[in-house]
């Protein structure tokens, strides 16, 4: 049985930068903003976790760092995990590139050299998330790529703000500035199903991680 507290962090939000967190970074060709995609996915992931927990008789609490179009500083987002003694912290983002042709899913963790005291556990959690999201997207679009789990110094993943026991990673779902991804996630006929499948895959990975880290 899985048991624990999960914090889901929909990246960005609001209209101005706050504490190192920009209001919005990426935009799709049809004009959908990353901050709105991440919030929508945050709600879907929360609901999917709670549904999976109820079905499997798991005891899981899910908290969102934001539920409206507001912005929180990076440290404040992380502190939500610390304040709630969270087991898992997942920050949800979308990618973009100057070429507007890059594809793929990647999941980021704070490097051991940057003071990450539970790097191995973070990597294990991140790999579950990476595999789950990549599989969900690939089922609808084989053109997506595995950009793997990577070390990156990110303020939202600082252990001193999260708490040393919290396993944490940042997910970059796909490159939303690419037309094919915009169709896949936002405006295509199957977009709602794709988003739902991604959320359910993330929920499964989270339940699995909690089960294996009692």
C-alpha atoms as a PDB file:
ATOM      1  CA  UNK A   1       0.000   0.000   0.000  1.00  0.00           C
ATOM      2  CA  UNK A   2       1.243   3.474  -0.891  1.00  0.00           C
ATOM      3  CA  UNK A   3       1.152   6.106   1.805  1.00  0.00           C
ATOM      4  CA  UNK A   4       2.421   9.672   1.775  1.00  0.00           C
ATOM      5  CA  UNK A   5       2.060  13.314   0.811  1.00  0.00           C
ATOM      6  CA  UNK A   6       2.672  14.574  -2.709  1.00  0.00           C
ATOM      7  CA  UNK A   7       3.157  18.199  -3.765  1.00  0.00           C
ATOM      8  CA  UNK A   8       2.456  19.025  -7.409  1.00  0.00           C
ATOM      9  CA  UNK A   9       3.910  22.330  -8.600  1.00  0.00           C
ATOM     10  CA  UNK A  10       2.367  23.776 -11.785  1.00  0.00           C
ATOM     11  CA  UNK A  11       5.179  25.938 -13.121  1.00  0.00           C
ATOM     12  CA  UNK A  12       4.974  29.709 -13.611  1.00  0.00           C
ATOM     13  CA  UNK A  13       1.765  31.752 -13.261  1.00  0.00           C
ATOM     14  CA  UNK A  14       0.573  35.304 -12.839  1.00  0.00           C
ATOM     15  CA  UNK A  15       1.828  38.322 -14.772  1.00  0.00           C
ATOM     16  CA  UNK A  16       5.219  39.146 -13.257  1.00  0.00           C
ATOM     17  CA  UNK A  17       8.352  37.324 -12.124  1.00  0.00           C
ATOM     18  CA  UNK A  18       8.362  36.437  -8.434  1.00  0.00           C
ATOM     19  CA  UNK A  19      11.356  35.104  -6.529  1.00  0.00           C
ATOM     20  CA  UNK A  20      13.099  33.736  -9.617  1.00  0.00           C
ATOM     21  CA  UNK A  21       9.912  32.206 -11.044  1.00  0.00           C
ATOM     22  CA  UNK A  22       8.969  33.771 -14.386  1.00  0.00           C
ATOM     23  CA  UNK A  23       5.302  34.347 -15.138  1.00  0.00           C
ATOM     24  CA  UNK A  24       5.518  32.330 -18.351  1.00  0.00           C
ATOM     25  CA  UNK A  25       8.231  30.955 -20.594  1.00  0.00           C
ATOM     26  CA  UNK A  26       6.914  28.892 -23.496  1.00  0.00           C
ATOM     27  CA  UNK A  27       3.971  29.521 -25.831  1.00  0.00           C
ATOM     28  CA  UNK A  28       2.426  27.159 -28.360  1.00  0.00           C
ATOM     29  CA  UNK A  29       1.902  28.142 -32.023  1.00  0.00           C
ATOM     30  CA  UNK A  30      -1.825  28.484 -31.333  1.00  0.00           C
ATOM     31  CA  UNK A  31      -1.126  30.818 -28.411  1.00  0.00           C
ATOM     32  CA  UNK A  32      -1.561  28.485 -25.430  1.00  0.00           C
ATOM     33  CA  UNK A  33       0.703  29.593 -22.572  1.00  0.00           C
ATOM     34  CA  UNK A  34       2.921  27.210 -20.641  1.00  0.00           C
ATOM     35  CA  UNK A  35       1.568  28.544 -17.322  1.00  0.00           C
ATOM     36  CA  UNK A  36      -1.954  27.501 -18.324  1.00  0.00           C
ATOM     37  CA  UNK A  37      -0.873  24.076 -19.571  1.00  0.00           C
ATOM     38  CA  UNK A  38       0.978  23.370 -16.323  1.00  0.00           C
ATOM     39  CA  UNK A  39      -1.974  24.404 -14.180  1.00  0.00           C
ATOM     40  CA  UNK A  40      -4.362  22.271 -16.199  1.00  0.00           C
ATOM     41  CA  UNK A  41      -1.987  19.330 -15.940  1.00  0.00           C
ATOM     42  CA  UNK A  42      -1.609  19.947 -12.214  1.00  0.00           C
ATOM     43  CA  UNK A  43      -5.326  19.508 -11.685  1.00  0.00           C
ATOM     44  CA  UNK A  44      -5.406  16.419 -13.904  1.00  0.00           C
ATOM     45  CA  UNK A  45      -2.469  14.843 -12.079  1.00  0.00           C
ATOM     46  CA  UNK A  46      -3.996  15.578  -8.670  1.00  0.00           C
ATOM     47  CA  UNK A  47      -7.299  14.013  -9.683  1.00  0.00           C
ATOM     48  CA  UNK A  48      -5.567  11.010 -11.252  1.00  0.00           C
ATOM     49  CA  UNK A  49      -3.521  10.378  -8.094  1.00  0.00           C
ATOM     50  CA  UNK A  50      -6.582  10.593  -5.874  1.00  0.00           C
ATOM     51  CA  UNK A  51      -8.515   8.268  -8.202  1.00  0.00           C
ATOM     52  CA  UNK A  52      -5.676   5.731  -8.228  1.00  0.00           C
ATOM     53  CA  UNK A  53      -5.333   5.990  -4.451  1.00  0.00           C
ATOM     54  CA  UNK A  54      -9.028   5.333  -3.933  1.00  0.00           C
ATOM     55  CA  UNK A  55      -8.996   2.382  -6.321  1.00  0.00           C
ATOM     56  CA  UNK A  56      -5.939   0.817  -4.682  1.00  0.00           C
ATOM     57  CA  UNK A  57      -6.805   1.664  -1.080  1.00  0.00           C
ATOM     58  CA  UNK A  58      -3.713   3.870  -0.812  1.00  0.00           C
ATOM     59  CA  UNK A  59      -3.415   6.727   1.668  1.00  0.00           C
ATOM     60  CA  UNK A  60      -2.134   9.654  -0.359  1.00  0.00           C
ATOM     61  CA  UNK A  61      -2.546  13.388   0.204  1.00  0.00           C
ATOM     62  CA  UNK A  62      -2.043  15.679  -2.789  1.00  0.00           C
ATOM     63  CA  UNK A  63      -1.304  19.405  -2.529  1.00  0.00           C
ATOM     64  CA  UNK A  64      -0.909  21.919  -5.367  1.00  0.00           C
ATOM     65  CA  UNK A  65       1.459  24.844  -4.943  1.00  0.00           C
ATOM     66  CA  UNK A  66      -1.024  26.984  -6.873  1.00  0.00           C
ATOM     67  CA  UNK A  67      -4.615  26.543  -7.985  1.00  0.00           C
ATOM     68  CA  UNK A  68      -5.089  29.875  -9.779  1.00  0.00           C
ATOM     69  CA  UNK A  69      -3.183  32.093 -12.216  1.00  0.00           C
ATOM     70  CA  UNK A  70      -0.754  33.329  -9.587  1.00  0.00           C
ATOM     71  CA  UNK A  71       3.002  33.114  -9.295  1.00  0.00           C
ATOM     72  CA  UNK A  72       5.071  31.907  -6.354  1.00  0.00           C
ATOM     73  CA  UNK A  73       8.800  32.305  -5.881  1.00  0.00           C
ATOM     74  CA  UNK A  74      10.927  29.212  -6.371  1.00  0.00           C
ATOM     75  CA  UNK A  75      11.767  28.928  -2.676  1.00  0.00           C
ATOM     76  CA  UNK A  76       8.117  29.351  -1.674  1.00  0.00           C
ATOM     77  CA  UNK A  77       7.050  26.596  -4.057  1.00  0.00           C
ATOM     78  CA  UNK A  78       9.597  24.243  -2.526  1.00  0.00           C
ATOM     79  CA  UNK A  79       8.627  25.243   1.007  1.00  0.00           C
ATOM     80  CA  UNK A  80       5.122  23.917   0.410  1.00  0.00           C
ATOM     81  CA  UNK A  81       6.745  20.482   0.455  1.00  0.00           C
ATOM     82  CA  UNK A  82       8.703  21.215   3.626  1.00  0.00           C
ATOM     83  CA  UNK A  83       5.710  22.685   5.441  1.00  0.00           C
ATOM     84  CA  UNK A  84       3.637  19.614   4.645  1.00  0.00           C
ATOM     85  CA  UNK A  85       6.395  17.062   5.293  1.00  0.00           C
ATOM     86  CA  UNK A  86       5.975  15.864   1.716  1.00  0.00           C
ATOM     87  CA  UNK A  87       7.429  12.630   0.424  1.00  0.00           C
ATOM     88  CA  UNK A  88       7.370  13.714  -3.222  1.00  0.00           C
ATOM     89  CA  UNK A  89       7.600  17.039  -5.056  1.00  0.00           C
ATOM     90  CA  UNK A  90       6.931  17.213  -8.794  1.00  0.00           C
ATOM     91  CA  UNK A  91       7.276  20.502 -10.662  1.00  0.00           C
ATOM     92  CA  UNK A  92       5.506  20.440 -14.035  1.00  0.00           C
ATOM     93  CA  UNK A  93       6.792  22.503 -16.973  1.00  0.00           C
ATOM     94  CA  UNK A  94       6.863  22.531 -20.770  1.00  0.00           C
ATOM     95  CA  UNK A  95       9.881  23.033 -22.987  1.00  0.00           C
ATOM     96  CA  UNK A  96      10.620  25.303 -25.953  1.00  0.00           C
ATOM     97  CA  UNK A  97      13.638  25.870 -28.184  1.00  0.00           C
ATOM     98  CA  UNK A  98      14.934  28.479 -30.597  1.00  0.00           C
ATOM     99  CA  UNK A  99      14.654  26.032 -33.475  1.00  0.00           C
ATOM    100  CA  UNK A 100      10.962  25.256 -32.845  1.00  0.00           C
ATOM    101  CA  UNK A 101      11.761  21.711 -33.983  1.00  0.00           C
ATOM    102  CA  UNK A 102      13.126  20.017 -30.847  1.00  0.00           C
ATOM    103  CA  UNK A 103      11.115  17.137 -29.451  1.00  0.00           C
ATOM    104  CA  UNK A 104      11.018  14.987 -26.375  1.00  0.00           C
ATOM    105  CA  UNK A 105      10.433  14.508 -22.669  1.00  0.00           C
ATOM    106  CA  UNK A 106      13.051  15.170 -20.008  1.00  0.00           C
ATOM    107  CA  UNK A 107      13.069  15.125 -16.225  1.00  0.00           C
ATOM    108  CA  UNK A 108      15.520  17.169 -14.167  1.00  0.00           C
ATOM    109  CA  UNK A 109      17.009  16.683 -10.722  1.00  0.00           C
ATOM    110  CA  UNK A 110      19.408  18.765  -8.663  1.00  0.00           C
ATOM    111  CA  UNK A 111      23.028  17.546  -8.943  1.00  0.00           C
ATOM    112  CA  UNK A 112      24.763  15.914  -6.029  1.00  0.00           C
ATOM    113  CA  UNK A 113      27.536  18.495  -6.409  1.00  0.00           C
ATOM    114  CA  UNK A 114      24.975  21.246  -5.776  1.00  0.00           C
ATOM    115  CA  UNK A 115      24.142  19.888  -2.336  1.00  0.00           C
ATOM    116  CA  UNK A 116      21.490  17.329  -3.205  1.00  0.00           C
ATOM    117  CA  UNK A 117      21.627  15.000  -0.206  1.00  0.00           C
ATOM    118  CA  UNK A 118      19.254  12.396  -1.675  1.00  0.00           C
ATOM    119  CA  UNK A 119      20.366  12.422  -5.298  1.00  0.00           C
ATOM    120  CA  UNK A 120      19.945   8.666  -5.776  1.00  0.00           C
ATOM    121  CA  UNK A 121      16.355   8.707  -4.505  1.00  0.00           C
ATOM    122  CA  UNK A 122      15.566  11.764  -6.625  1.00  0.00           C
ATOM    123  CA  UNK A 123      16.964  10.000  -9.679  1.00  0.00           C
ATOM    124  CA  UNK A 124      14.884   6.892  -9.026  1.00  0.00           C
ATOM    125  CA  UNK A 125      11.725   8.995  -8.695  1.00  0.00           C
ATOM    126  CA  UNK A 126      12.589  11.053 -11.772  1.00  0.00           C
ATOM    127  CA  UNK A 127      13.188   7.925 -13.850  1.00  0.00           C
ATOM    128  CA  UNK A 128       9.733   6.614 -12.958  1.00  0.00           C
ATOM    129  CA  UNK A 129       8.200   9.928 -14.037  1.00  0.00           C
ATOM    130  CA  UNK A 130      10.297  10.047 -17.214  1.00  0.00           C
ATOM    131  CA  UNK A 131       9.376   6.513 -18.260  1.00  0.00           C
ATOM    132  CA  UNK A 132       5.698   7.062 -17.511  1.00  0.00           C
ATOM    133  CA  UNK A 133       5.300  10.318 -19.422  1.00  0.00           C
ATOM    134  CA  UNK A 134       7.423   9.200 -22.348  1.00  0.00           C
ATOM    135  CA  UNK A 135       5.365   6.034 -22.669  1.00  0.00           C
ATOM    136  CA  UNK A 136       2.063   7.902 -22.506  1.00  0.00           C
ATOM    137  CA  UNK A 137       3.093  10.382 -25.189  1.00  0.00           C
ATOM    138  CA  UNK A 138       4.761   7.793 -27.419  1.00  0.00           C
ATOM    139  CA  UNK A 139       1.518   5.817 -27.496  1.00  0.00           C
ATOM    140  CA  UNK A 140      -0.051   8.780 -29.307  1.00  0.00           C
ATOM    141  CA  UNK A 141       2.985  10.166 -31.146  1.00  0.00           C
ATOM    142  CA  UNK A 142       6.040   7.962 -31.836  1.00  0.00           C
ATOM    143  CA  UNK A 143       8.009  11.060 -32.876  1.00  0.00           C
ATOM    144  CA  UNK A 144       8.587  12.097 -29.289  1.00  0.00           C
ATOM    145  CA  UNK A 145      12.076  11.469 -27.901  1.00  0.00           C
ATOM    146  CA  UNK A 146      13.569  10.271 -24.658  1.00  0.00           C
ATOM    147  CA  UNK A 147      15.696  13.205 -23.495  1.00  0.00           C
ATOM    148  CA  UNK A 148      16.412  11.258 -20.295  1.00  0.00           C
ATOM    149  CA  UNK A 149      16.838  12.212 -16.645  1.00  0.00           C
ATOM    150  CA  UNK A 150      19.419  14.977 -16.268  1.00  0.00           C
ATOM    151  CA  UNK A 151      21.194  16.867 -13.509  1.00  0.00           C
ATOM    152  CA  UNK A 152      20.512  20.595 -13.518  1.00  0.00           C
ATOM    153  CA  UNK A 153      20.863  23.274 -10.860  1.00  0.00           C
ATOM    154  CA  UNK A 154      17.294  24.494 -10.323  1.00  0.00           C
ATOM    155  CA  UNK A 155      16.207  26.753  -7.490  1.00  0.00           C
ATOM    156  CA  UNK A 156      12.876  25.013  -7.019  1.00  0.00           C
ATOM    157  CA  UNK A 157      14.674  21.756  -6.168  1.00  0.00           C
ATOM    158  CA  UNK A 158      16.891  23.012  -3.329  1.00  0.00           C
ATOM    159  CA  UNK A 159      16.872  20.548  -0.435  1.00  0.00           C
ATOM    160  CA  UNK A 160      17.092  23.282   2.193  1.00  0.00           C
ATOM    161  CA  UNK A 161      13.696  24.537   1.022  1.00  0.00           C
ATOM    162  CA  UNK A 162      12.098  21.177   0.200  1.00  0.00           C
ATOM    163  CA  UNK A 163      13.298  19.274   3.234  1.00  0.00           C
ATOM    164  CA  UNK A 164      15.977  16.604   3.022  1.00  0.00           C
ATOM    165  CA  UNK A 165      13.570  13.651   2.919  1.00  0.00           C
ATOM    166  CA  UNK A 166      11.521  14.943  -0.022  1.00  0.00           C
ATOM    167  CA  UNK A 167      12.209  13.226  -3.338  1.00  0.00           C
ATOM    168  CA  UNK A 168      11.955  15.887  -6.019  1.00  0.00           C
ATOM    169  CA  UNK A 169      12.187  16.416  -9.759  1.00  0.00           C
ATOM    170  CA  UNK A 170      11.075  18.787 -12.508  1.00  0.00           C
ATOM    171  CA  UNK A 171       9.281  17.398 -15.550  1.00  0.00           C
ATOM    172  CA  UNK A 172       9.492  19.045 -18.973  1.00  0.00           C
ATOM    173  CA  UNK A 173       6.532  17.427 -20.709  1.00  0.00           C
ATOM    174  CA  UNK A 174       7.390  18.303 -24.343  1.00  0.00           C
ATOM    175  CA  UNK A 175       8.339  21.235 -26.590  1.00  0.00           C
ATOM    176  CA  UNK A 176       5.062  23.125 -26.892  1.00  0.00           C
ATOM    177  CA  UNK A 177       6.426  25.592 -29.461  1.00  0.00           C
ATOM    178  CA  UNK A 178       6.328  22.732 -31.992  1.00  0.00           C
ATOM    179  CA  UNK A 179       3.148  22.550 -34.073  1.00  0.00           C
ATOM    180  CA  UNK A 180       2.848  18.773 -33.741  1.00  0.00           C
ATOM    181  CA  UNK A 181       3.023  19.042 -29.948  1.00  0.00           C
ATOM    182  CA  UNK A 182       0.472  21.853 -29.928  1.00  0.00           C
ATOM    183  CA  UNK A 183      -1.849  19.530 -31.840  1.00  0.00           C
ATOM    184  CA  UNK A 184      -1.012  16.666 -29.507  1.00  0.00           C
ATOM    185  CA  UNK A 185      -1.573  18.466 -26.207  1.00  0.00           C
ATOM    186  CA  UNK A 186      -3.792  21.456 -26.898  1.00  0.00           C
ATOM    187  CA  UNK A 187      -5.844  21.758 -30.055  1.00  0.00           C
ATOM    188  CA  UNK A 188      -5.959  18.333 -31.720  1.00  0.00           C
ATOM    189  CA  UNK A 189      -9.039  16.077 -31.623  1.00  0.00           C
ATOM    190  CA  UNK A 190      -7.370  13.713 -29.141  1.00  0.00           C
ATOM    191  CA  UNK A 191      -5.704  16.354 -26.949  1.00  0.00           C
ATOM    192  CA  UNK A 192      -7.964  15.785 -23.950  1.00  0.00           C
ATOM    193  CA  UNK A 193      -7.267  12.047 -24.065  1.00  0.00           C
ATOM    194  CA  UNK A 194      -3.522  12.611 -24.372  1.00  0.00           C
ATOM    195  CA  UNK A 195      -3.523  14.932 -21.353  1.00  0.00           C
ATOM    196  CA  UNK A 196      -5.557  12.416 -19.389  1.00  0.00           C
ATOM    197  CA  UNK A 197      -3.208   9.577 -20.320  1.00  0.00           C
ATOM    198  CA  UNK A 198      -0.174  11.621 -19.247  1.00  0.00           C
ATOM    199  CA  UNK A 199      -1.814  12.451 -15.923  1.00  0.00           C
ATOM    200  CA  UNK A 200      -2.728   8.826 -15.273  1.00  0.00           C
ATOM    201  CA  UNK A 201       0.803   7.727 -16.157  1.00  0.00           C
ATOM    202  CA  UNK A 202       2.256  10.253 -13.699  1.00  0.00           C
ATOM    203  CA  UNK A 203      -0.183   9.094 -11.035  1.00  0.00           C
ATOM    204  CA  UNK A 204       0.888   5.501 -11.547  1.00  0.00           C
ATOM    205  CA  UNK A 205       4.553   6.448 -11.255  1.00  0.00           C
ATOM    206  CA  UNK A 206       3.876   8.357  -8.040  1.00  0.00           C
ATOM    207  CA  UNK A 207       1.910   5.516  -6.467  1.00  0.00           C
ATOM    208  CA  UNK A 208       4.687   3.136  -7.488  1.00  0.00           C
ATOM    209  CA  UNK A 209       7.365   5.345  -5.953  1.00  0.00           C
ATOM    210  CA  UNK A 210       5.462   5.726  -2.683  1.00  0.00           C
ATOM    211  CA  UNK A 211       4.905   1.976  -2.555  1.00  0.00           C
ATOM    212  CA  UNK A 212       8.616   1.321  -2.949  1.00  0.00           C
ATOM    213  CA  UNK A 213       9.653   3.994  -0.423  1.00  0.00           C
ATOM    214  CA  UNK A 214       7.416   3.252   2.582  1.00  0.00           C
END
